[in-house]
Amino acid sequence: MQTAHACVKCGACKWVCPTYPFKEEEGSFARGRLALAEAVLEGKLEPTNEVLARWSECALCRRCEWVCPNGVDYKEVLTNARALSTDPLADGALKALKLMHGTVGRLALKAAGLLALPLPSHVRLPLPTGSSKSFPKPRPDAFSLRGKTFKPKGKPKARLLFFTGCMIDAFYTHTGKSVIKVLTRAGYELVVPKELTCCGAPHLYHGRKKLFNELKEQNLKAFSRYEFDAFLVACPTCGGALKEDYGLEKEVYSFTELVAKENLSFKGDESVTVHVPCHYYTAFKKNPEYFYEALKKVKGVKVRRAENDRSCCGFAGLFSVKNPELSEGIQRNKLEDLKKVDARVVVTECPGCVLQLKEGCSKFAKGMRAEHLADYLAKRLVK
């Protein structure tokens, strides 16, 4: 296991850390957090509330790994450190993520989706911190893609196992349908196993490795029941978990990557910019240029690249719930950068980033809207 001793203290991580500008303390970016984690793991320092707060304030975007000259495995060190802490809020939310994939959880989400039909697509809910945040409402067709196979016209070029992920399953089923619409047009057959559960990345990132391993084993069993050529995801956090932590032999493709490589045609007439999710190029290790290659296939659009297209949006799952002020500050910076290019639409490939950017547009960039790239392209697919 790599330790924080591999850190050469160069400070490169300071300049890419999304939280450092709001704290400007040694413990508010990777170098300081690594030092604290190492001291606690070696028994030299007690995991006090102040130390735990520094770890909790990390979004684990892993941009520090992206620029580290010494290849420090920041995720490994911090998740081992977080395993020593207690976090009732996180533990409750992480258990709920697991339970929602069970029979009772699925039925409850569908029922909640029916009850929420009169409400807008996103609703502001109070947080334990005293502030509030926008969340998507459950869908009455939650989990409706599970246990189905979607075939293209003619002979498929490959059969992909579509790992839908929690947010698409429960809240953004339309995005899953958009993925299927575009890629079946490209000639792929997609299968969505009925038995899937959460990828476990949120649990692993919070140091709950036992829960992660339980979810991983359930998914591996689900995979073994199907014949397929490769995996497909439309969420880079799921993709990163499958690629890094599952020990899979088959390739894991992103939706954007396949669109960039396929002979597809779309039509639009607006200006578009891109938010590249952090985990797309850190955990998942995919090329951000796939977004721009995919958008080149949309005739009539003006693609405008933001200066900081790879900067964090401030979502990071539970990070935005536990650290609402930090999350909103990062969100504001993100939208301020996107506004400079004067685009009508910002596209991305992460349901969590879509949620954060939608909220950010409503607060800091009225007139701009955020969409998952799959939804944007599905509506513009040339027949």
Protein backbone atom coordinates (compact mmCIF):
# COMPACT_ATOMS: atom_id res chain seq x y z
CA MET A 1 0.00 0.00 0.00
CA GLN A 2 1.37 3.37 -1.00
CA THR A 3 1.73 5.92 1.81
CA ALA A 4 1.80 9.68 2.03
CA HIS A 5 5.61 9.50 2.33
CA ALA A 6 5.66 9.38 -1.48
CA CYS A 7 4.56 13.03 -1.46
CA VAL A 8 7.54 15.29 -2.24
CA LYS A 9 5.76 18.40 -0.86
CA CYS A 10 6.02 20.30 -4.16
CA GLY A 11 2.59 21.91 -3.70
CA ALA A 12 1.37 21.35 -7.28
CA CYS A 13 -1.86 19.96 -5.83
CA LYS A 14 -2.61 23.31 -4.17
CA TRP A 15 -3.29 25.02 -7.48
CA VAL A 16 -5.82 22.45 -8.75
CA CYS A 17 -7.64 21.80 -5.46
CA PRO A 18 -11.20 23.20 -5.64
CA THR A 19 -11.44 23.79 -1.89
CA TYR A 20 -8.10 25.49 -1.22
CA PRO A 21 -9.13 28.98 -2.48
CA PHE A 22 -11.88 29.10 0.15
CA LYS A 23 -9.72 28.07 3.13
CA GLU A 24 -6.09 28.83 2.18
CA GLU A 25 -4.76 26.57 4.91
CA GLU A 26 -2.27 23.71 4.70
CA GLY A 27 -4.97 21.27 5.76
CA SER A 28 -7.32 22.39 3.01
CA PHE A 29 -5.57 20.73 0.07
CA ALA A 30 -3.99 17.35 -0.66
CA ARG A 31 -0.50 17.92 0.76
CA GLY A 32 -1.80 18.88 4.20
CA ARG A 33 -4.57 16.28 4.20
CA LEU A 34 -2.03 13.59 3.32
CA ALA A 35 0.19 14.65 6.21
CA LEU A 36 -2.74 14.51 8.63
CA ALA A 37 -3.85 11.12 7.30
CA GLU A 38 -0.36 9.67 7.59
CA ALA A 39 0.02 10.93 11.15
CA VAL A 40 -3.30 9.40 12.18
CA LEU A 41 -2.65 6.10 10.39
CA GLU A 42 0.75 5.82 12.11
CA GLY A 43 -0.74 6.58 15.53
CA LYS A 44 1.09 9.90 15.91
CA LEU A 45 -2.09 12.00 15.94
CA GLU A 46 -5.59 11.44 17.25
CA PRO A 47 -8.44 11.77 14.70
CA THR A 48 -9.87 14.87 16.36
CA ASN A 49 -12.93 16.70 15.05
CA GLU A 50 -10.65 19.29 13.46
CA VAL A 51 -8.75 16.58 11.57
CA LEU A 52 -11.96 14.85 10.50
CA ALA A 53 -13.30 18.17 9.24
CA ARG A 54 -10.29 18.58 6.93
CA TRP A 55 -10.95 15.13 5.45
CA SER A 56 -14.67 15.79 5.16
CA GLU A 57 -13.98 19.03 3.27
CA CYS A 58 -12.21 17.09 0.51
CA ALA A 59 -14.36 16.51 -2.58
CA LEU A 60 -12.10 13.61 -3.65
CA CYS A 61 -12.20 14.97 -7.18
CA ARG A 62 -8.64 13.56 -7.40
CA ARG A 63 -7.34 16.44 -9.47
CA CYS A 64 -4.34 16.31 -7.12
CA GLU A 65 -3.50 12.86 -8.50
CA TRP A 66 -3.90 14.26 -12.01
CA VAL A 67 -1.01 16.73 -11.51
CA CYS A 68 1.12 14.84 -8.96
CA PRO A 69 4.67 14.38 -10.32
CA ASN A 70 5.27 11.43 -8.01
CA GLY A 71 2.06 9.51 -8.66
CA VAL A 72 0.82 9.61 -5.07
CA ASP A 73 -2.35 7.50 -4.70
CA TYR A 74 -4.29 10.11 -2.74
CA LYS A 75 -7.54 8.12 -2.86
CA GLU A 76 -5.91 5.12 -1.21
CA VAL A 77 -4.42 7.12 1.65
CA LEU A 78 -7.47 9.25 2.36
CA THR A 79 -10.00 6.39 2.19
CA ASN A 80 -7.87 4.41 4.64
CA ALA A 81 -7.85 7.40 6.95
CA ARG A 82 -11.58 7.99 6.60
CA ALA A 83 -12.17 4.36 7.59
CA LEU A 84 -11.04 5.34 11.10
CA SER A 85 -13.71 8.01 11.47
CA THR A 86 -17.37 7.92 12.43
CA ASP A 87 -19.82 9.87 10.28
CA PRO A 88 -23.49 9.21 11.09
CA LEU A 89 -24.76 11.40 8.22
CA ALA A 90 -22.59 9.66 5.64
CA ASP A 91 -23.29 6.19 7.04
CA GLY A 92 -27.04 6.77 6.89
CA ALA A 93 -26.90 8.04 3.32
CA LEU A 94 -24.61 5.25 2.17
CA LYS A 95 -26.84 2.56 3.66
CA ALA A 96 -29.82 4.19 1.94
CA LEU A 97 -27.96 3.95 -1.40
CA LYS A 98 -27.65 0.21 -0.85
CA LEU A 99 -31.24 -0.29 0.33
CA MET A 100 -32.81 1.62 -2.56
CA HIS A 101 -31.73 -1.15 -4.94
CA GLY A 102 -33.66 -3.81 -3.02
CA THR A 103 -37.25 -4.77 -3.79
CA VAL A 104 -38.71 -2.52 -1.09
CA GLY A 105 -36.45 0.38 -2.01
CA ARG A 106 -37.38 0.23 -5.68
CA LEU A 107 -41.09 0.11 -4.93
CA ALA A 108 -40.76 3.00 -2.48
CA LEU A 109 -38.96 5.16 -5.05
CA LYS A 110 -41.55 4.43 -7.73
CA ALA A 111 -44.35 5.31 -5.30
CA ALA A 112 -42.54 8.52 -4.31
CA GLY A 113 -42.18 9.33 -8.00
CA LEU A 114 -45.94 9.04 -8.51
CA LEU A 115 -46.66 11.23 -5.50
CA ALA A 116 -44.12 13.80 -6.72
CA LEU A 117 -45.59 14.10 -10.24
CA PRO A 118 -47.17 17.55 -9.58
CA LEU A 119 -43.82 18.93 -8.35
CA PRO A 120 -41.13 20.50 -10.56
CA SER A 121 -38.31 18.22 -11.74
CA HIS A 122 -35.96 19.54 -9.04
CA VAL A 123 -37.02 20.49 -5.51
CA ARG A 124 -35.12 22.39 -2.82
CA LEU A 125 -34.85 20.37 0.38
CA PRO A 126 -33.42 21.33 3.78
CA LEU A 127 -30.01 19.95 4.78
CA PRO A 128 -28.81 18.88 8.25
CA THR A 129 -26.42 21.82 8.10
CA GLY A 130 -29.34 24.27 8.14
CA SER A 131 -29.07 25.31 4.49
CA SER A 132 -30.95 23.80 1.52
CA LYS A 133 -30.07 22.22 -1.81
CA SER A 134 -31.82 21.33 -5.04
CA PHE A 135 -32.44 17.61 -5.58
CA PRO A 136 -34.14 15.74 -8.43
CA LYS A 137 -37.44 14.12 -7.57
CA PRO A 138 -37.79 10.31 -7.86
CA ARG A 139 -39.28 9.04 -11.11
CA PRO A 140 -42.39 6.85 -11.35
CA ASP A 141 -40.47 4.81 -13.94
CA ALA A 142 -37.47 4.34 -11.63
CA PHE A 143 -35.48 1.17 -12.41
CA SER A 144 -37.58 0.60 -15.54
CA LEU A 145 -34.51 -0.15 -17.66
CA ARG A 146 -33.45 -3.06 -15.46
CA GLY A 147 -33.66 -6.59 -16.83
CA LYS A 148 -34.08 -5.48 -20.45
CA THR A 149 -32.13 -5.81 -23.66
CA PHE A 150 -32.18 -3.09 -26.31
CA LYS A 151 -31.34 -4.13 -29.87
CA PRO A 152 -30.28 -2.06 -32.88
CA LYS A 153 -31.61 -2.51 -36.40
CA GLY A 154 -29.61 -5.21 -38.08
CA LYS A 155 -26.74 -7.20 -36.67
CA PRO A 156 -25.17 -5.61 -33.57
CA LYS A 157 -21.52 -4.56 -33.82
CA ALA A 158 -21.09 -5.40 -30.11
CA ARG A 159 -23.12 -6.23 -27.00
CA LEU A 160 -22.56 -3.82 -24.13
CA LEU A 161 -23.52 -4.24 -20.49
CA PHE A 162 -24.97 -0.85 -19.57
CA PHE A 163 -24.17 -0.11 -15.93
CA THR A 164 -26.84 2.52 -15.37
CA GLY A 165 -25.86 3.81 -11.90
CA CYS A 166 -27.96 5.08 -8.99
CA MET A 167 -28.94 8.52 -10.27
CA ILE A 168 -30.00 7.32 -13.72
CA ASP A 169 -31.90 4.40 -12.18
CA ALA A 170 -33.84 6.48 -9.68
CA PHE A 171 -33.92 10.11 -10.84
CA TYR A 172 -32.77 10.49 -14.46
CA THR A 173 -34.29 7.50 -16.25
CA HIS A 174 -34.77 9.73 -19.31
CA THR A 175 -30.97 9.98 -19.52
CA GLY A 176 -30.66 6.20 -19.58
CA LYS A 177 -33.22 6.08 -22.39
CA SER A 178 -31.25 8.73 -24.28
CA VAL A 179 -28.06 6.64 -23.99
CA ILE A 180 -29.94 3.67 -25.38
CA LYS A 181 -31.50 5.67 -28.23
CA VAL A 182 -28.17 7.05 -29.43
CA LEU A 183 -26.08 3.91 -29.10
CA THR A 184 -28.62 1.50 -30.58
CA ARG A 185 -28.69 3.87 -33.56
CA ALA A 186 -24.90 3.46 -33.68
CA GLY A 187 -25.40 -0.31 -33.94
CA TYR A 188 -24.81 -1.49 -30.37
CA GLU A 189 -26.94 -3.93 -28.43
CA LEU A 190 -27.33 -2.89 -24.78
CA VAL A 191 -28.26 -5.15 -21.89
CA VAL A 192 -29.15 -3.83 -18.42
CA PRO A 193 -28.96 -6.55 -15.75
CA LYS A 194 -31.88 -6.68 -13.33
CA GLU A 195 -29.66 -7.50 -10.36
CA LEU A 196 -27.36 -4.45 -10.44
CA THR A 197 -26.81 -2.36 -7.34
CA CYS A 198 -24.78 0.78 -6.54
CA CYS A 199 -21.21 0.64 -7.87
CA GLY A 200 -20.01 1.32 -4.33
CA ALA A 201 -17.75 4.28 -5.17
CA PRO A 202 -19.40 6.58 -2.58
CA HIS A 203 -18.91 3.90 0.08
CA LEU A 204 -15.28 3.31 -0.86
CA TYR A 205 -14.52 7.04 -0.98
CA HIS A 206 -15.83 7.39 2.57
CA GLY A 207 -13.68 4.49 3.77
CA ARG A 208 -16.58 2.04 4.14
CA LYS A 209 -14.75 -0.79 2.41
CA LYS A 210 -16.88 -3.60 3.84
CA LEU A 211 -20.00 -2.08 2.30
CA PHE A 212 -18.14 -1.45 -0.95
CA ASN A 213 -17.03 -5.07 -1.17
CA GLU A 214 -20.59 -6.30 -0.56
CA LEU A 215 -21.88 -4.15 -3.42
CA LYS A 216 -18.99 -5.14 -5.66
CA GLU A 217 -19.63 -8.85 -5.13
CA GLN A 218 -23.33 -8.42 -5.92
CA ASN A 219 -22.49 -6.62 -9.15
CA LEU A 220 -19.85 -9.16 -10.17
CA LYS A 221 -22.42 -11.93 -9.74
CA ALA A 222 -24.87 -9.94 -11.87
CA PHE A 223 -22.22 -9.50 -14.58
CA SER A 224 -21.47 -13.25 -14.62
CA ARG A 225 -25.04 -14.07 -15.65
CA TYR A 226 -24.74 -12.29 -18.99
CA GLU A 227 -22.79 -12.63 -22.21
CA PHE A 228 -21.40 -9.31 -23.41
CA ASP A 229 -18.34 -7.74 -25.02
CA ALA A 230 -17.67 -4.67 -22.90
CA PHE A 231 -19.12 -2.37 -20.24
CA LEU A 232 -20.82 0.98 -20.84
CA VAL A 233 -21.38 3.79 -18.34
CA ALA A 234 -22.84 7.29 -18.50
CA CYS A 235 -21.37 8.32 -15.14
CA PRO A 236 -17.58 8.66 -14.73
CA THR A 237 -17.63 7.85 -11.02
CA CYS A 238 -19.23 4.48 -11.81
CA GLY A 239 -16.77 4.07 -14.66
CA GLY A 240 -13.82 4.81 -12.42
CA ALA A 241 -14.97 2.28 -9.82
CA LEU A 242 -15.47 -0.45 -12.43
CA LYS A 243 -12.13 0.27 -14.09
CA GLU A 244 -9.99 0.78 -10.97
CA ASP A 245 -11.55 -1.29 -8.21
CA TYR A 246 -13.40 -4.25 -9.76
CA GLY A 247 -10.51 -6.10 -11.40
CA LEU A 248 -12.44 -6.47 -14.67
CA GLU A 249 -10.87 -7.93 -17.78
CA LYS A 250 -13.27 -6.31 -20.23
CA GLU A 251 -13.09 -2.69 -21.38
CA VAL A 252 -15.26 -0.05 -19.73
CA TYR A 253 -16.45 2.56 -22.24
CA SER A 254 -17.98 5.95 -21.58
CA PHE A 255 -21.00 7.10 -23.57
CA THR A 256 -19.10 10.16 -24.81
CA GLU A 257 -16.14 8.06 -25.90
CA LEU A 258 -18.30 5.81 -28.09
CA VAL A 259 -20.20 8.71 -29.64
CA ALA A 260 -16.88 10.40 -30.48
CA LYS A 261 -15.74 7.26 -32.31
CA GLU A 262 -18.98 6.41 -34.16
CA ASN A 263 -20.44 7.60 -37.44
CA LEU A 264 -23.48 9.44 -36.06
CA SER A 265 -25.20 12.61 -37.19
CA PHE A 266 -26.98 15.25 -35.12
CA LYS A 267 -28.42 18.68 -35.85
CA GLY A 268 -28.61 21.79 -33.66
CA ASP A 269 -28.48 25.57 -33.85
CA GLU A 270 -27.21 26.91 -30.53
CA SER A 271 -23.96 27.66 -28.74
CA VAL A 272 -22.69 24.86 -26.48
CA THR A 273 -19.93 24.57 -23.92
CA VAL A 274 -18.59 21.60 -21.96
CA HIS A 275 -18.05 20.71 -18.32
CA VAL A 276 -15.65 17.77 -18.11
CA PRO A 277 -16.37 15.88 -14.85
CA CYS A 278 -13.32 15.50 -12.63
CA HIS A 279 -13.65 11.72 -12.37
CA TYR A 280 -13.82 11.44 -16.16
CA TYR A 281 -10.11 12.09 -16.45
CA THR A 282 -8.92 11.24 -12.92
CA ALA A 283 -10.66 8.05 -11.76
CA PHE A 284 -11.91 6.89 -15.18
CA LYS A 285 -8.83 8.15 -17.04
CA LYS A 286 -10.67 9.04 -20.24
CA ASN A 287 -9.61 11.74 -22.69
CA PRO A 288 -11.60 15.01 -22.19
CA GLU A 289 -11.27 15.66 -25.92
CA TYR A 290 -13.94 13.00 -26.50
CA PHE A 291 -16.52 15.65 -25.56
CA TYR A 292 -15.39 17.97 -28.32
CA GLU A 293 -15.09 15.16 -30.85
CA ALA A 294 -18.66 14.11 -30.05
CA LEU A 295 -19.98 17.68 -30.41
CA LYS A 296 -18.31 18.02 -33.83
CA LYS A 297 -20.96 15.60 -35.06
CA VAL A 298 -23.73 18.10 -34.27
CA LYS A 299 -24.17 20.19 -37.41
CA GLY A 300 -25.09 23.81 -36.80
CA VAL A 301 -23.87 24.20 -33.21
CA LYS A 302 -21.14 26.56 -32.06
CA VAL A 303 -18.88 24.80 -29.58
CA ARG A 304 -17.23 27.22 -27.17
CA ARG A 305 -14.52 25.88 -24.90
CA ALA A 306 -14.42 27.36 -21.40
CA GLU A 307 -11.00 28.23 -20.00
CA ASN A 308 -11.49 25.92 -17.01
CA ASP A 309 -13.61 23.23 -18.63
CA ARG A 310 -12.05 20.58 -16.36
CA SER A 311 -12.53 22.42 -13.07
CA CYS A 312 -14.71 20.90 -10.34
CA CYS A 313 -18.41 21.85 -10.19
CA GLY A 314 -18.65 21.29 -6.42
CA PHE A 315 -21.08 18.36 -6.31
CA ALA A 316 -19.00 15.32 -5.26
CA GLY A 317 -22.01 13.52 -3.78
CA LEU A 318 -22.19 13.85 0.00
CA PHE A 319 -19.52 16.56 -0.08
CA SER A 320 -22.15 19.07 -1.28
CA VAL A 321 -24.54 18.01 1.49
CA LYS A 322 -21.98 18.18 4.31
CA ASN A 323 -20.19 21.30 3.02
CA PRO A 324 -22.87 23.48 1.40
CA GLU A 325 -20.90 26.74 1.57
CA LEU A 326 -17.79 25.21 0.02
CA SER A 327 -19.91 23.45 -2.60
CA GLU A 328 -21.71 26.66 -3.53
CA GLY A 329 -18.45 28.59 -3.75
CA ILE A 330 -16.99 26.04 -6.16
CA GLN A 331 -20.29 26.01 -8.06
CA ARG A 332 -20.22 29.79 -8.40
CA ASN A 333 -16.65 29.74 -9.73
CA LYS A 334 -17.62 27.07 -12.23
CA LEU A 335 -20.60 29.03 -13.56
CA GLU A 336 -18.64 32.27 -13.70
CA ASP A 337 -16.11 30.55 -15.94
CA LEU A 338 -18.81 28.99 -18.15
CA LYS A 339 -20.63 32.32 -18.51
CA LYS A 340 -17.57 33.91 -20.13
CA VAL A 341 -18.06 31.91 -23.34
CA ASP A 342 -21.69 33.04 -23.68
CA ALA A 343 -23.14 29.61 -24.46
CA ARG A 344 -26.79 28.65 -24.13
CA VAL A 345 -26.12 25.05 -23.08
CA VAL A 346 -23.49 23.32 -20.96
CA VAL A 347 -23.21 19.57 -21.50
CA THR A 348 -21.48 16.97 -19.35
CA GLU A 349 -21.44 13.22 -18.74
CA CYS A 350 -22.25 12.86 -15.06
CA PRO A 351 -25.76 12.87 -13.55
CA GLY A 352 -24.39 14.43 -10.34
CA CYS A 353 -22.69 17.22 -12.27
CA VAL A 354 -25.96 17.78 -14.18
CA LEU A 355 -27.74 18.28 -10.86
CA GLN A 356 -25.09 20.72 -9.60
CA LEU A 357 -24.91 22.65 -12.87
CA LYS A 358 -28.70 22.95 -13.16
CA GLU A 359 -28.80 24.49 -9.70
CA GLY A 360 -25.82 26.69 -10.56
CA CYS A 361 -27.45 27.96 -13.76
CA SER A 362 -30.59 28.93 -11.83
CA LYS A 363 -28.52 30.93 -9.32
CA PHE A 364 -25.52 32.27 -11.22
CA ALA A 365 -26.14 31.94 -14.96
CA LYS A 366 -29.78 32.52 -15.80
CA GLY A 367 -30.37 31.87 -19.48
CA MET A 368 -27.92 28.95 -19.58
CA ARG A 369 -29.14 25.39 -19.09
CA ALA A 370 -27.31 22.17 -18.22
CA GLU A 371 -27.87 18.76 -19.80
CA HIS A 372 -26.33 15.33 -19.84
CA LEU A 373 -24.67 14.91 -23.24
CA ALA A 374 -26.86 11.86 -23.91
CA ASP A 375 -30.05 13.90 -23.48
CA TYR A 376 -28.68 16.73 -25.59
CA LEU A 377 -27.73 14.40 -28.44
CA ALA A 378 -30.80 12.15 -28.33
CA LYS A 379 -33.08 15.12 -29.07
CA ARG A 380 -30.92 16.11 -32.05
CA LEU A 381 -30.33 12.73 -33.61
CA VAL A 382 -30.87 12.91 -37.36
CA LYS A 383 -33.39 10.31 -38.48
